[in-house]
Amino acid sequence: MTTTTTAATSVRTDTPAAADTRGLDLGLLILRVSFGLLLAVHGTQKLFGWFGGYGWSATAAAFDGMGYNPGKFFGTLAGLAEITGGLLLALGLLTPLAAAIALGTMINAVVAMWSKGFSAGWEFPLLYTLAPLALAFTGPGRYSLDHARPWQRQGLIWGAAAVALAVIAAIITLIAKAAF
């Protein structure tokens, strides 16, 4: 029997599940990269019109139409948050913060689409909340820029902090929306 001890944990490596976490790490890599890049692409659609998007002017008009005035400010904020949060998640860098950025943006998207109902409105943004929510708690896995770095954070406390930050940011955005 082999036991590996670190400052935080002691892991038995004589069982197949304990000896091979590569599947878990690969799964987290796939989740992070696919979700993160899709979210970043969505942001580039808003800001630059890339990948068949409408671009900044149309995004600003759409945000004005949803009551997020001024639309140029809120559309830019949403696009930048999607690009930043998405790329940070894809890289596995500053994962709790990246998850909070993505989650806060998607909370606002759910609220914005609420009146359209589930399948025609808030189903897709709600689906987009699940990946950053999970990653906030699990962390990015071994195949990430956070792995084994002094700033690497994961677990219940850091996941809850990321969710709290996302909710606070979403509420501040909704208050600002109502104030203008």
C-alpha atoms as a PDB file:
ATOM      1  CA  MET A   1       0.000   0.000   0.000  1.00  0.00           C
ATOM      2  CA  THR A   2       1.205   3.455  -0.893  1.00  0.00           C
ATOM      3  CA  THR A   3       0.032   6.588   0.849  1.00  0.00           C
ATOM      4  CA  THR A   4       0.715  10.045  -0.478  1.00  0.00           C
ATOM      5  CA  THR A   5       0.544  12.794   2.100  1.00  0.00           C
ATOM      6  CA  THR A   6       0.346  16.500   1.410  1.00  0.00           C
ATOM      7  CA  ALA A   7      -0.171  19.407   3.748  1.00  0.00           C
ATOM      8  CA  ALA A   8      -3.922  19.246   3.191  1.00  0.00           C
ATOM      9  CA  THR A   9      -4.776  15.572   2.624  1.00  0.00           C
ATOM     10  CA  SER A  10      -3.664  11.994   2.791  1.00  0.00           C
ATOM     11  CA  VAL A  11      -4.608   9.947  -0.282  1.00  0.00           C
ATOM     12  CA  ARG A  12      -4.403   6.169  -0.531  1.00  0.00           C
ATOM     13  CA  THR A  13      -3.109   5.137  -3.910  1.00  0.00           C
ATOM     14  CA  ASP A  14      -3.663   1.400  -3.646  1.00  0.00           C
ATOM     15  CA  THR A  15      -7.252   1.569  -4.885  1.00  0.00           C
ATOM     16  CA  PRO A  16      -8.131   2.169  -8.534  1.00  0.00           C
ATOM     17  CA  ALA A  17     -10.367   5.162  -7.776  1.00  0.00           C
ATOM     18  CA  ALA A  18      -7.796   6.904  -5.594  1.00  0.00           C
ATOM     19  CA  ALA A  19      -4.881   6.100  -7.866  1.00  0.00           C
ATOM     20  CA  ASP A  20      -6.433   7.519 -11.026  1.00  0.00           C
ATOM     21  CA  THR A  21      -8.131  10.894 -10.924  1.00  0.00           C
ATOM     22  CA  ARG A  22      -7.188  11.570 -14.522  1.00  0.00           C
ATOM     23  CA  GLY A  23     -10.767  10.919 -15.645  1.00  0.00           C
ATOM     24  CA  LEU A  24     -12.095  13.541 -13.241  1.00  0.00           C
ATOM     25  CA  ASP A  25      -9.422  16.023 -14.276  1.00  0.00           C
ATOM     26  CA  LEU A  26     -10.104  15.352 -17.965  1.00  0.00           C
ATOM     27  CA  GLY A  27     -13.849  15.811 -17.391  1.00  0.00           C
ATOM     28  CA  LEU A  28     -13.247  19.152 -15.682  1.00  0.00           C
ATOM     29  CA  LEU A  29     -10.947  20.201 -18.523  1.00  0.00           C
ATOM     30  CA  ILE A  30     -13.618  19.368 -21.113  1.00  0.00           C
ATOM     31  CA  LEU A  31     -16.281  21.220 -19.109  1.00  0.00           C
ATOM     32  CA  ARG A  32     -14.108  24.291 -18.526  1.00  0.00           C
ATOM     33  CA  VAL A  33     -12.780  24.635 -22.051  1.00  0.00           C
ATOM     34  CA  SER A  34     -16.053  23.925 -23.862  1.00  0.00           C
ATOM     35  CA  PHE A  35     -18.213  26.099 -21.629  1.00  0.00           C
ATOM     36  CA  GLY A  36     -15.620  28.841 -21.257  1.00  0.00           C
ATOM     37  CA  LEU A  37     -15.000  29.180 -24.973  1.00  0.00           C
ATOM     38  CA  LEU A  38     -18.724  29.086 -25.782  1.00  0.00           C
ATOM     39  CA  LEU A  39     -19.339  31.853 -23.258  1.00  0.00           C
ATOM     40  CA  ALA A  40     -16.436  33.904 -24.643  1.00  0.00           C
ATOM     41  CA  VAL A  41     -17.776  33.439 -28.188  1.00  0.00           C
ATOM     42  CA  HIS A  42     -21.170  34.673 -26.978  1.00  0.00           C
ATOM     43  CA  GLY A  43     -19.453  37.803 -25.631  1.00  0.00           C
ATOM     44  CA  THR A  44     -17.634  38.406 -28.929  1.00  0.00           C
ATOM     45  CA  GLN A  45     -20.964  38.125 -30.735  1.00  0.00           C
ATOM     46  CA  LYS A  46     -22.305  40.929 -28.558  1.00  0.00           C
ATOM     47  CA  LEU A  47     -19.333  43.237 -28.872  1.00  0.00           C
ATOM     48  CA  PHE A  48     -17.811  42.552 -32.278  1.00  0.00           C
ATOM     49  CA  GLY A  49     -20.437  40.707 -34.306  1.00  0.00           C
ATOM     50  CA  TRP A  50     -18.124  37.714 -34.638  1.00  0.00           C
ATOM     51  CA  PHE A  51     -19.465  34.177 -35.140  1.00  0.00           C
ATOM     52  CA  GLY A  52     -22.715  35.450 -36.632  1.00  0.00           C
ATOM     53  CA  GLY A  53     -23.452  37.882 -33.817  1.00  0.00           C
ATOM     54  CA  TYR A  54     -25.248  41.196 -34.114  1.00  0.00           C
ATOM     55  CA  GLY A  55     -22.410  43.404 -32.915  1.00  0.00           C
ATOM     56  CA  TRP A  56     -22.179  46.228 -30.455  1.00  0.00           C
ATOM     57  CA  SER A  57     -24.805  48.636 -31.860  1.00  0.00           C
ATOM     58  CA  ALA A  58     -27.508  45.973 -32.097  1.00  0.00           C
ATOM     59  CA  THR A  59     -26.542  44.637 -28.661  1.00  0.00           C
ATOM     60  CA  ALA A  60     -26.836  48.132 -27.187  1.00  0.00           C
ATOM     61  CA  ALA A  61     -30.268  48.548 -28.774  1.00  0.00           C
ATOM     62  CA  ALA A  62     -31.379  45.149 -27.464  1.00  0.00           C
ATOM     63  CA  PHE A  63     -30.232  46.034 -23.948  1.00  0.00           C
ATOM     64  CA  ASP A  64     -32.102  49.340 -24.174  1.00  0.00           C
ATOM     65  CA  GLY A  65     -35.184  47.356 -25.228  1.00  0.00           C
ATOM     66  CA  MET A  66     -34.852  45.087 -22.192  1.00  0.00           C
ATOM     67  CA  GLY A  67     -34.702  48.104 -19.881  1.00  0.00           C
ATOM     68  CA  TYR A  68     -30.951  47.985 -19.315  1.00  0.00           C
ATOM     69  CA  ASN A  69     -30.349  51.679 -19.970  1.00  0.00           C
ATOM     70  CA  PRO A  70     -27.962  52.892 -21.168  1.00  0.00           C
ATOM     71  CA  GLY A  71     -27.752  49.890 -23.459  1.00  0.00           C
ATOM     72  CA  LYS A  72     -24.230  50.731 -24.578  1.00  0.00           C
ATOM     73  CA  PHE A  73     -22.970  50.473 -20.996  1.00  0.00           C
ATOM     74  CA  PHE A  74     -24.874  47.341 -20.005  1.00  0.00           C
ATOM     75  CA  GLY A  75     -24.287  45.593 -23.363  1.00  0.00           C
ATOM     76  CA  THR A  76     -20.568  46.290 -23.119  1.00  0.00           C
ATOM     77  CA  LEU A  77     -20.516  45.110 -19.506  1.00  0.00           C
ATOM     78  CA  ALA A  78     -22.273  41.856 -20.423  1.00  0.00           C
ATOM     79  CA  GLY A  79     -20.010  41.209 -23.413  1.00  0.00           C
ATOM     80  CA  LEU A  80     -16.834  41.904 -21.459  1.00  0.00           C
ATOM     81  CA  ALA A  81     -18.032  39.741 -18.561  1.00  0.00           C
ATOM     82  CA  GLU A  82     -18.788  36.850 -20.909  1.00  0.00           C
ATOM     83  CA  ILE A  83     -15.414  37.126 -22.644  1.00  0.00           C
ATOM     84  CA  THR A  84     -13.435  37.551 -19.410  1.00  0.00           C
ATOM     85  CA  GLY A  85     -15.285  34.925 -17.378  1.00  0.00           C
ATOM     86  CA  GLY A  86     -15.294  32.500 -20.292  1.00  0.00           C
ATOM     87  CA  LEU A  87     -11.589  32.786 -21.053  1.00  0.00           C
ATOM     88  CA  LEU A  88     -10.595  32.563 -17.379  1.00  0.00           C
ATOM     89  CA  LEU A  89     -12.719  29.420 -16.983  1.00  0.00           C
ATOM     90  CA  ALA A  90     -11.309  27.899 -20.173  1.00  0.00           C
ATOM     91  CA  LEU A  91      -7.791  28.469 -18.881  1.00  0.00           C
ATOM     92  CA  GLY A  92      -8.631  27.338 -15.357  1.00  0.00           C
ATOM     93  CA  LEU A  93      -7.280  30.609 -14.015  1.00  0.00           C
ATOM     94  CA  LEU A  94      -8.686  32.347 -10.923  1.00  0.00           C
ATOM     95  CA  THR A  95     -11.516  29.855 -11.124  1.00  0.00           C
ATOM     96  CA  PRO A  96     -13.775  31.052  -8.266  1.00  0.00           C
ATOM     97  CA  LEU A  97     -13.625  34.625  -9.601  1.00  0.00           C
ATOM     98  CA  ALA A  98     -14.165  33.425 -13.178  1.00  0.00           C
ATOM     99  CA  ALA A  99     -17.168  31.377 -12.046  1.00  0.00           C
ATOM    100  CA  ALA A 100     -18.581  34.389 -10.175  1.00  0.00           C
ATOM    101  CA  ILE A 101     -18.234  36.589 -13.280  1.00  0.00           C
ATOM    102  CA  ALA A 102     -19.987  34.049 -15.511  1.00  0.00           C
ATOM    103  CA  LEU A 103     -22.648  33.234 -12.935  1.00  0.00           C
ATOM    104  CA  GLY A 104     -23.457  36.877 -12.164  1.00  0.00           C
ATOM    105  CA  THR A 105     -23.858  37.605 -15.871  1.00  0.00           C
ATOM    106  CA  MET A 106     -26.134  34.606 -16.358  1.00  0.00           C
ATOM    107  CA  ILE A 107     -28.290  35.541 -13.344  1.00  0.00           C
ATOM    108  CA  ASN A 108     -28.999  38.840 -15.093  1.00  0.00           C
ATOM    109  CA  ALA A 109     -29.728  36.978 -18.333  1.00  0.00           C
ATOM    110  CA  VAL A 110     -32.252  34.756 -16.529  1.00  0.00           C
ATOM    111  CA  VAL A 111     -33.948  37.834 -15.044  1.00  0.00           C
ATOM    112  CA  ALA A 112     -33.961  39.624 -18.412  1.00  0.00           C
ATOM    113  CA  MET A 113     -35.580  36.642 -20.135  1.00  0.00           C
ATOM    114  CA  TRP A 114     -37.978  35.703 -17.307  1.00  0.00           C
ATOM    115  CA  SER A 115     -41.092  37.267 -18.846  1.00  0.00           C
ATOM    116  CA  LYS A 116     -40.742  35.132 -22.001  1.00  0.00           C
ATOM    117  CA  GLY A 117     -41.310  31.947 -20.031  1.00  0.00           C
ATOM    118  CA  PHE A 118     -39.207  28.862 -19.565  1.00  0.00           C
ATOM    119  CA  SER A 119     -38.562  27.354 -22.995  1.00  0.00           C
ATOM    120  CA  ALA A 120     -38.682  30.597 -25.000  1.00  0.00           C
ATOM    121  CA  GLY A 121     -36.830  32.699 -22.473  1.00  0.00           C
ATOM    122  CA  TRP A 122     -34.862  31.713 -19.415  1.00  0.00           C
ATOM    123  CA  GLU A 123     -34.146  28.032 -20.043  1.00  0.00           C
ATOM    124  CA  PHE A 124     -30.917  28.691 -21.995  1.00  0.00           C
ATOM    125  CA  PRO A 125     -29.463  31.282 -19.567  1.00  0.00           C
ATOM    126  CA  LEU A 126     -30.361  28.974 -16.673  1.00  0.00           C
ATOM    127  CA  LEU A 127     -28.508  26.145 -18.397  1.00  0.00           C
ATOM    128  CA  TYR A 128     -25.502  28.459 -18.714  1.00  0.00           C
ATOM    129  CA  THR A 129     -25.492  28.976 -14.928  1.00  0.00           C
ATOM    130  CA  LEU A 130     -24.819  25.307 -14.215  1.00  0.00           C
ATOM    131  CA  ALA A 131     -21.220  24.994 -15.448  1.00  0.00           C
ATOM    132  CA  PRO A 132     -19.809  27.983 -13.532  1.00  0.00           C
ATOM    133  CA  LEU A 133     -21.833  26.972 -10.484  1.00  0.00           C
ATOM    134  CA  ALA A 134     -20.303  23.493 -10.504  1.00  0.00           C
ATOM    135  CA  LEU A 135     -16.790  24.761 -11.255  1.00  0.00           C
ATOM    136  CA  ALA A 136     -16.982  27.264  -8.390  1.00  0.00           C
ATOM    137  CA  PHE A 137     -17.145  24.320  -5.980  1.00  0.00           C
ATOM    138  CA  THR A 138     -15.043  21.655  -7.731  1.00  0.00           C
ATOM    139  CA  GLY A 139     -12.229  23.885  -8.892  1.00  0.00           C
ATOM    140  CA  PRO A 140     -10.631  23.592 -12.321  1.00  0.00           C
ATOM    141  CA  GLY A 141      -8.874  20.253 -11.959  1.00  0.00           C
ATOM    142  CA  ARG A 142      -5.269  19.301 -12.551  1.00  0.00           C
ATOM    143  CA  TYR A 143      -5.101  20.464 -16.173  1.00  0.00           C
ATOM    144  CA  SER A 144      -5.424  24.171 -15.431  1.00  0.00           C
ATOM    145  CA  LEU A 145      -3.342  27.252 -14.779  1.00  0.00           C
ATOM    146  CA  ASP A 146      -4.593  27.290 -11.171  1.00  0.00           C
ATOM    147  CA  HIS A 147      -3.370  23.780 -10.374  1.00  0.00           C
ATOM    148  CA  ALA A 148      -0.785  23.634  -7.565  1.00  0.00           C
ATOM    149  CA  ARG A 149      -0.455  27.416  -7.491  1.00  0.00           C
ATOM    150  CA  PRO A 150      -0.554  29.373  -4.237  1.00  0.00           C
ATOM    151  CA  TRP A 151      -3.747  31.092  -5.374  1.00  0.00           C
ATOM    152  CA  GLN A 152      -5.629  27.875  -6.222  1.00  0.00           C
ATOM    153  CA  ARG A 153      -8.962  27.823  -4.384  1.00  0.00           C
ATOM    154  CA  GLN A 154     -11.817  25.324  -4.426  1.00  0.00           C
ATOM    155  CA  GLY A 155     -14.299  23.639  -2.149  1.00  0.00           C
ATOM    156  CA  LEU A 156     -17.403  24.547  -0.212  1.00  0.00           C
ATOM    157  CA  ILE A 157     -16.226  27.872   1.231  1.00  0.00           C
ATOM    158  CA  TRP A 158     -14.761  29.172  -2.046  1.00  0.00           C
ATOM    159  CA  GLY A 159     -17.737  27.933  -4.052  1.00  0.00           C
ATOM    160  CA  ALA A 160     -20.153  29.642  -1.665  1.00  0.00           C
ATOM    161  CA  ALA A 161     -18.070  32.830  -1.827  1.00  0.00           C
ATOM    162  CA  ALA A 162     -18.170  32.760  -5.643  1.00  0.00           C
ATOM    163  CA  VAL A 163     -21.949  32.296  -5.612  1.00  0.00           C
ATOM    164  CA  ALA A 164     -22.344  35.114  -3.076  1.00  0.00           C
ATOM    165  CA  LEU A 165     -20.182  37.432  -5.176  1.00  0.00           C
ATOM    166  CA  ALA A 166     -22.190  36.557  -8.296  1.00  0.00           C
ATOM    167  CA  VAL A 167     -25.506  37.224  -6.558  1.00  0.00           C
ATOM    168  CA  ILE A 168     -24.260  40.529  -5.127  1.00  0.00           C
ATOM    169  CA  ALA A 169     -22.945  41.647  -8.544  1.00  0.00           C
ATOM    170  CA  ALA A 170     -26.226  40.630 -10.204  1.00  0.00           C
ATOM    171  CA  ILE A 171     -28.256  42.535  -7.610  1.00  0.00           C
ATOM    172  CA  ILE A 172     -26.084  45.643  -8.006  1.00  0.00           C
ATOM    173  CA  THR A 173     -26.585  45.444 -11.780  1.00  0.00           C
ATOM    174  CA  LEU A 174     -30.348  45.059 -11.374  1.00  0.00           C
ATOM    175  CA  ILE A 175     -30.454  48.012  -8.959  1.00  0.00           C
ATOM    176  CA  ALA A 176     -28.455  50.107 -11.447  1.00  0.00           C
ATOM    177  CA  LYS A 177     -30.861  49.011 -14.204  1.00  0.00           C
ATOM    178  CA  ALA A 178     -33.832  50.142 -12.126  1.00  0.00           C
ATOM    179  CA  ALA A 179     -32.155  53.458 -11.227  1.00  0.00           C
ATOM    180  CA  PHE A 180     -31.680  54.557 -14.844  1.00  0.00           C
END
